[in-house]
Protein backbone atom coordinates (compact mmCIF):
# COMPACT_ATOMS: atom_id res chain seq x y z
CA UNK A 1 37.40 107.66 138.35
CA UNK A 2 37.92 110.93 136.74
CA UNK A 3 35.50 113.88 136.44
CA UNK A 4 32.87 113.26 133.72
CA UNK A 5 31.48 116.39 131.76
CA UNK A 6 28.45 117.68 129.97
CA UNK A 7 28.04 120.62 128.68
CA UNK A 8 25.12 121.70 131.38
CA UNK A 9 27.49 120.79 133.90
CA UNK A 10 30.46 122.88 132.46
CA UNK A 11 28.56 125.85 131.77
CA UNK A 12 27.31 125.58 135.72
CA UNK A 13 30.82 126.12 136.88
CA UNK A 14 32.03 129.13 135.00
CA UNK A 15 28.55 130.53 135.97
CA UNK A 16 29.54 129.74 139.34
CA UNK A 17 32.91 130.92 139.35
CA UNK A 18 31.98 134.29 137.58
CA UNK A 19 29.19 134.88 140.48
CA UNK A 20 32.06 134.90 143.01
CA UNK A 21 31.47 131.55 144.69
CA UNK A 22 34.59 129.89 145.60
CA UNK A 23 32.66 126.52 146.11
CA UNK A 24 29.93 124.48 144.38
CA UNK A 25 28.10 121.51 144.52
CA UNK A 26 27.35 119.40 141.50
CA UNK A 27 27.92 116.09 139.90
CA UNK A 28 31.09 114.61 138.03
CA UNK A 29 29.45 111.83 137.17
CA UNK A 30 26.34 111.76 135.49
CA UNK A 31 24.09 112.46 137.96
CA UNK A 32 25.27 109.17 140.20
CA UNK A 33 26.29 111.25 143.13
CA UNK A 34 27.73 115.02 144.15
CA UNK A 35 30.36 116.56 145.18
CA UNK A 36 31.97 120.25 146.14
CA UNK A 37 34.05 121.69 144.15
CA UNK A 38 36.44 124.11 144.72
CA UNK A 39 36.83 127.23 141.96
CA UNK A 40 39.75 129.23 141.02
CA UNK A 41 40.08 131.92 137.88
CA UNK A 42 41.59 129.60 136.14
CA UNK A 43 41.14 126.19 137.13
CA UNK A 44 38.53 123.88 139.37
CA UNK A 45 39.69 121.34 141.81
CA UNK A 46 38.71 118.01 143.36
CA UNK A 47 40.65 116.72 146.09
CA UNK A 48 44.05 117.31 145.10
CA UNK A 49 43.60 117.46 141.00
CA UNK A 50 43.03 120.36 139.32
CA UNK A 51 41.26 120.81 136.00
CA UNK A 52 40.55 124.09 133.08
CA UNK A 53 37.40 125.55 132.84
CA UNK A 54 35.90 124.36 129.27
CA UNK A 55 36.24 127.53 126.85
CA UNK A 56 32.77 128.91 126.52
CA UNK A 57 29.98 127.03 124.30
CA UNK A 58 32.86 124.32 123.60
CA UNK A 59 31.09 121.67 125.03
CA UNK A 60 28.31 119.97 122.68
CA UNK A 61 25.00 119.10 124.03
CA UNK A 62 24.75 116.05 123.12
CA UNK A 63 28.15 114.20 124.13
CA UNK A 64 29.80 113.23 127.20
CA UNK A 65 33.12 114.43 127.96
CA UNK A 66 36.12 112.46 129.91
CA UNK A 67 39.38 114.16 131.17
CA UNK A 68 42.30 112.71 128.81
CA UNK A 69 44.84 113.95 131.04
CA UNK A 70 45.34 117.06 128.70
CA UNK A 71 41.85 118.13 128.26
CA UNK A 72 37.89 116.83 128.22
CA UNK A 73 37.39 114.87 125.14
CA UNK A 74 34.57 113.43 123.72
CA UNK A 75 33.54 109.78 124.87
CA UNK A 76 32.98 108.68 121.14
CA UNK A 77 35.36 106.52 118.54
CA UNK A 78 34.86 105.58 114.91
CA UNK A 79 35.72 101.87 113.81
CA UNK A 80 33.32 101.31 111.05
CA UNK A 81 30.79 103.18 113.28
CA UNK A 82 30.78 106.31 115.10
CA UNK A 83 29.85 105.49 118.62
CA UNK A 84 29.45 107.41 121.70
CA UNK A 85 27.92 108.00 124.89
CA UNK A 86 25.00 110.48 125.10
CA UNK A 87 23.81 112.02 127.88
CA UNK A 88 19.89 112.11 128.75
CA UNK A 89 17.88 114.03 131.15
CA UNK A 90 17.52 111.14 133.40
CA UNK A 91 21.47 110.94 134.46
CA UNK A 92 22.62 107.31 133.04
CA UNK A 93 23.31 107.94 129.62
CA UNK A 94 22.63 105.95 126.87
CA UNK A 95 25.03 105.22 123.51
CA UNK A 96 24.72 105.45 119.94
CA UNK A 97 26.08 103.59 116.85
CA UNK A 98 25.94 105.92 113.73
CA UNK A 99 23.16 108.12 115.35
CA UNK A 100 20.62 105.53 116.63
CA UNK A 101 20.38 105.32 119.98
CA UNK A 102 20.65 101.66 121.64
CA UNK A 103 18.55 102.04 124.68
CA UNK A 104 15.18 104.07 125.67
CA UNK A 105 15.44 107.63 126.51
CA UNK A 106 12.74 109.08 125.13
CA UNK A 107 10.06 108.69 128.42
CA UNK A 108 12.44 106.55 130.95
CA UNK A 109 15.57 106.35 132.39
CA UNK A 110 17.61 103.82 130.41
CA UNK A 111 18.79 102.27 133.89
CA UNK A 112 15.26 102.77 135.40
CA UNK A 113 14.25 101.14 132.25
CA UNK A 114 16.85 98.16 132.61
CA UNK A 115 15.71 97.46 136.36
CA UNK A 116 12.33 96.73 135.38
CA UNK A 117 13.11 94.11 132.66
CA UNK A 118 15.53 92.63 135.02
CA UNK A 119 12.88 92.06 137.71
CA UNK A 120 11.01 90.21 134.97
CA UNK A 121 13.29 87.36 135.02
CA UNK A 122 13.80 87.73 139.31
CA UNK A 123 17.51 86.92 139.13
CA UNK A 124 17.95 86.33 142.76
CA UNK A 125 19.82 83.32 143.12
CA UNK A 126 20.07 82.53 139.82
CA UNK A 127 22.83 81.92 137.20
CA UNK A 128 21.75 84.44 133.67
CA UNK A 129 23.13 85.14 130.64
CA UNK A 130 23.06 88.81 129.44
CA UNK A 131 23.67 88.35 125.61
CA UNK A 132 24.39 91.45 124.63
CA UNK A 133 25.97 93.65 127.53
CA UNK A 134 25.88 96.97 126.20
CA UNK A 135 26.45 99.86 129.25
CA UNK A 136 26.26 96.80 131.44
CA UNK A 137 23.09 98.07 132.96
CA UNK A 138 20.74 94.24 132.70
CA UNK A 139 24.16 93.24 134.36
CA UNK A 140 23.92 95.79 137.21
CA UNK A 141 20.81 95.25 138.35
CA UNK A 142 21.10 91.47 138.02
CA UNK A 143 23.69 91.93 140.64
CA UNK A 144 21.98 94.47 142.61
CA UNK A 145 19.19 91.67 142.90
CA UNK A 146 21.33 89.23 144.07
CA UNK A 147 22.20 86.73 141.26
CA UNK A 148 24.64 84.36 142.16
CA UNK A 149 26.54 85.05 138.20
CA UNK A 150 25.78 86.91 135.41
CA UNK A 151 27.61 85.93 132.37
CA UNK A 152 27.77 88.85 129.88
CA UNK A 153 28.87 88.85 126.29
CA UNK A 154 29.58 92.18 124.24
CA UNK A 155 30.46 91.69 121.11
CA UNK A 156 31.92 95.46 119.88
CA UNK A 157 35.27 96.61 121.64
CA UNK A 158 34.39 99.72 121.31
CA UNK A 159 31.53 99.65 123.51
CA UNK A 160 33.67 97.57 126.12
CA UNK A 161 35.49 100.93 126.01
CA UNK A 162 32.59 103.61 126.59
CA UNK A 163 31.62 101.36 129.86
CA UNK A 164 35.31 101.97 131.55
CA UNK A 165 34.21 105.90 131.44
CA UNK A 166 30.26 105.79 132.20
CA UNK A 167 30.10 105.94 135.82
CA UNK A 168 26.56 104.11 135.54
CA UNK A 169 28.20 100.81 133.91
CA UNK A 170 28.98 98.18 137.04
CA UNK A 171 32.28 97.49 137.83
CA UNK A 172 33.88 93.85 136.88
CA UNK A 173 34.54 91.46 139.22
CA UNK A 174 32.42 89.33 142.09
CA UNK A 175 29.75 87.70 140.28
CA UNK A 176 30.00 89.50 136.83
CA UNK A 177 31.83 88.01 134.06
CA UNK A 178 32.43 90.00 131.32
CA UNK A 179 33.15 88.51 127.68
CA UNK A 180 34.63 90.29 124.75
CA UNK A 181 32.82 88.02 122.03
CA UNK A 182 30.09 87.20 119.77
CA UNK A 183 27.38 85.67 121.44
CA UNK A 184 25.96 84.12 118.09
CA UNK A 185 29.39 82.22 117.89
CA UNK A 186 29.89 81.41 121.64
CA UNK A 187 26.10 80.11 122.78
CA UNK A 188 26.78 76.71 120.46
CA UNK A 189 29.99 75.63 122.90
CA UNK A 190 27.69 76.18 125.93
CA UNK A 191 26.46 73.34 128.24
CA UNK A 192 23.10 72.71 127.95
CA UNK A 193 20.52 73.95 130.87
CA UNK A 194 23.78 75.86 132.10
CA UNK A 195 21.40 78.94 133.03
CA UNK A 196 18.72 79.97 135.06
CA UNK A 197 17.72 83.10 132.91
CA UNK A 198 18.30 84.75 129.91
CA UNK A 199 18.33 88.29 128.84
CA UNK A 200 18.57 89.35 125.33
CA UNK A 201 18.79 92.79 123.87
CA UNK A 202 19.73 92.57 120.61
CA UNK A 203 20.38 95.72 118.24
CA UNK A 204 18.09 96.15 115.37
CA UNK A 205 16.70 93.27 113.29
CA UNK A 206 18.69 94.99 110.38
CA UNK A 207 21.97 95.34 112.10
CA UNK A 208 22.14 92.01 113.77
CA UNK A 209 19.69 89.52 112.14
CA UNK A 210 21.28 86.33 113.26
CA UNK A 211 20.21 87.40 117.00
CA UNK A 212 16.74 87.07 115.67
CA UNK A 213 16.86 83.79 113.82
CA UNK A 214 15.34 80.87 114.86
CA UNK A 215 18.86 78.78 114.76
CA UNK A 216 19.70 81.18 117.92
CA UNK A 217 16.38 80.80 119.56
CA UNK A 218 17.13 77.33 119.50
CA UNK A 219 20.89 77.58 120.92
CA UNK A 220 19.02 79.61 123.79
CA UNK A 221 16.62 76.80 124.37
CA UNK A 222 19.06 74.58 124.97
CA UNK A 223 21.33 76.46 127.39
CA UNK A 224 18.37 77.31 129.48
CA UNK A 225 16.85 74.97 132.41
CA UNK A 226 13.50 73.74 131.44
CA UNK A 227 10.93 76.64 133.28
CA UNK A 228 13.72 79.31 132.92
CA UNK A 229 12.74 82.76 131.76
CA UNK A 230 13.89 84.76 128.89
CA UNK A 231 13.36 88.47 128.69
CA UNK A 232 14.00 89.33 124.73
CA UNK A 233 13.85 93.30 123.57
CA UNK A 234 12.33 93.39 120.57
CA UNK A 235 10.77 97.47 120.35
CA UNK A 236 8.79 98.16 117.71
CA UNK A 237 10.95 98.87 114.16
CA UNK A 238 9.22 99.15 110.96
CA UNK A 239 5.94 98.96 112.13
CA UNK A 240 4.79 102.50 110.64
CA UNK A 241 6.51 102.09 107.70
CA UNK A 242 6.62 98.36 106.37
CA UNK A 243 3.82 97.37 108.58
CA UNK A 244 6.00 94.19 109.92
CA UNK A 245 5.00 93.34 113.63
CA UNK A 246 8.61 92.31 115.14
CA UNK A 247 7.55 91.44 118.32
CA UNK A 248 4.63 88.84 117.19
CA UNK A 249 7.46 87.69 114.31
CA UNK A 250 9.92 87.06 117.11
CA UNK A 251 6.98 85.07 119.06
CA UNK A 252 6.40 82.76 116.84
CA UNK A 253 10.00 81.96 116.46
CA UNK A 254 10.49 81.73 119.85
CA UNK A 255 7.46 79.30 120.52
CA UNK A 256 8.74 77.38 117.64
CA UNK A 257 12.43 76.82 119.45
CA UNK A 258 10.37 75.43 122.77
CA UNK A 259 9.21 78.48 124.63
CA UNK A 260 5.97 79.84 125.57
CA UNK A 261 5.58 83.83 125.13
CA UNK A 262 3.61 87.04 125.90
CA UNK A 263 4.21 90.22 125.16
CA UNK A 264 5.73 92.33 127.79
CA UNK A 265 6.16 96.07 127.56
CA UNK A 266 8.37 96.55 124.32
CA UNK A 267 9.74 92.99 124.55
CA UNK A 268 9.02 89.74 124.88
CA UNK A 269 8.78 87.36 128.23
CA UNK A 270 9.14 83.51 127.37
CA UNK A 271 9.46 80.47 129.61
CA UNK A 272 11.23 77.81 128.61
CA UNK A 273 8.42 74.68 128.04
């Protein structure tokens, strides 16, 4: 994978060069690994590839940059909304849609958070449906925890592009089937009881209300085998401003669709009755 830079890494390369070092160890994949970089006066290199130093302070703190072939460019695109990869202090990045973070990062590493949530459905030996794939962290942990198959849906083409540049997103192939599609539409064509477990991490209700509907939950119950587990991320949106209790609303709908439910952290763990 080509190098991925943040402002902190770029600044550290320049400081190392200015201090007279000819080699410097750093991460060029958002903390996933360390490499030794050779430092020249005008460029730095890894292997046979050389790259220019960014201009001082030209990289922004809340952006991630990739090598386009001619320069380091922000990993973001605009199509109806601005979608961008955003660095975190943990290493694994989150992403934003019009400034709204799609993964928790304030108190927990988003990758570690995904590990905890995936562990709740005990994916070993199971066929898992990942309804809203995002950067692929749920899928990555399903693979690491020895699922037999994870079928991951992602509706947004730009998010799929982010995955190709994010070092923490899982590679395609093997037990991972990544589908560019809308799970709200696709689920109706899936066979009954075709999954052993489901991970459901939808955007906020105001963005994708159909993914919180009784109709959609009925479909999830249909494609999940009896006693199969579902983890549904909800967060607690609007609780302070409007008094709405979204987790409780979701829990009631899931129960009506045929699940037993319990609150689990920032979501709901449900079992198909």
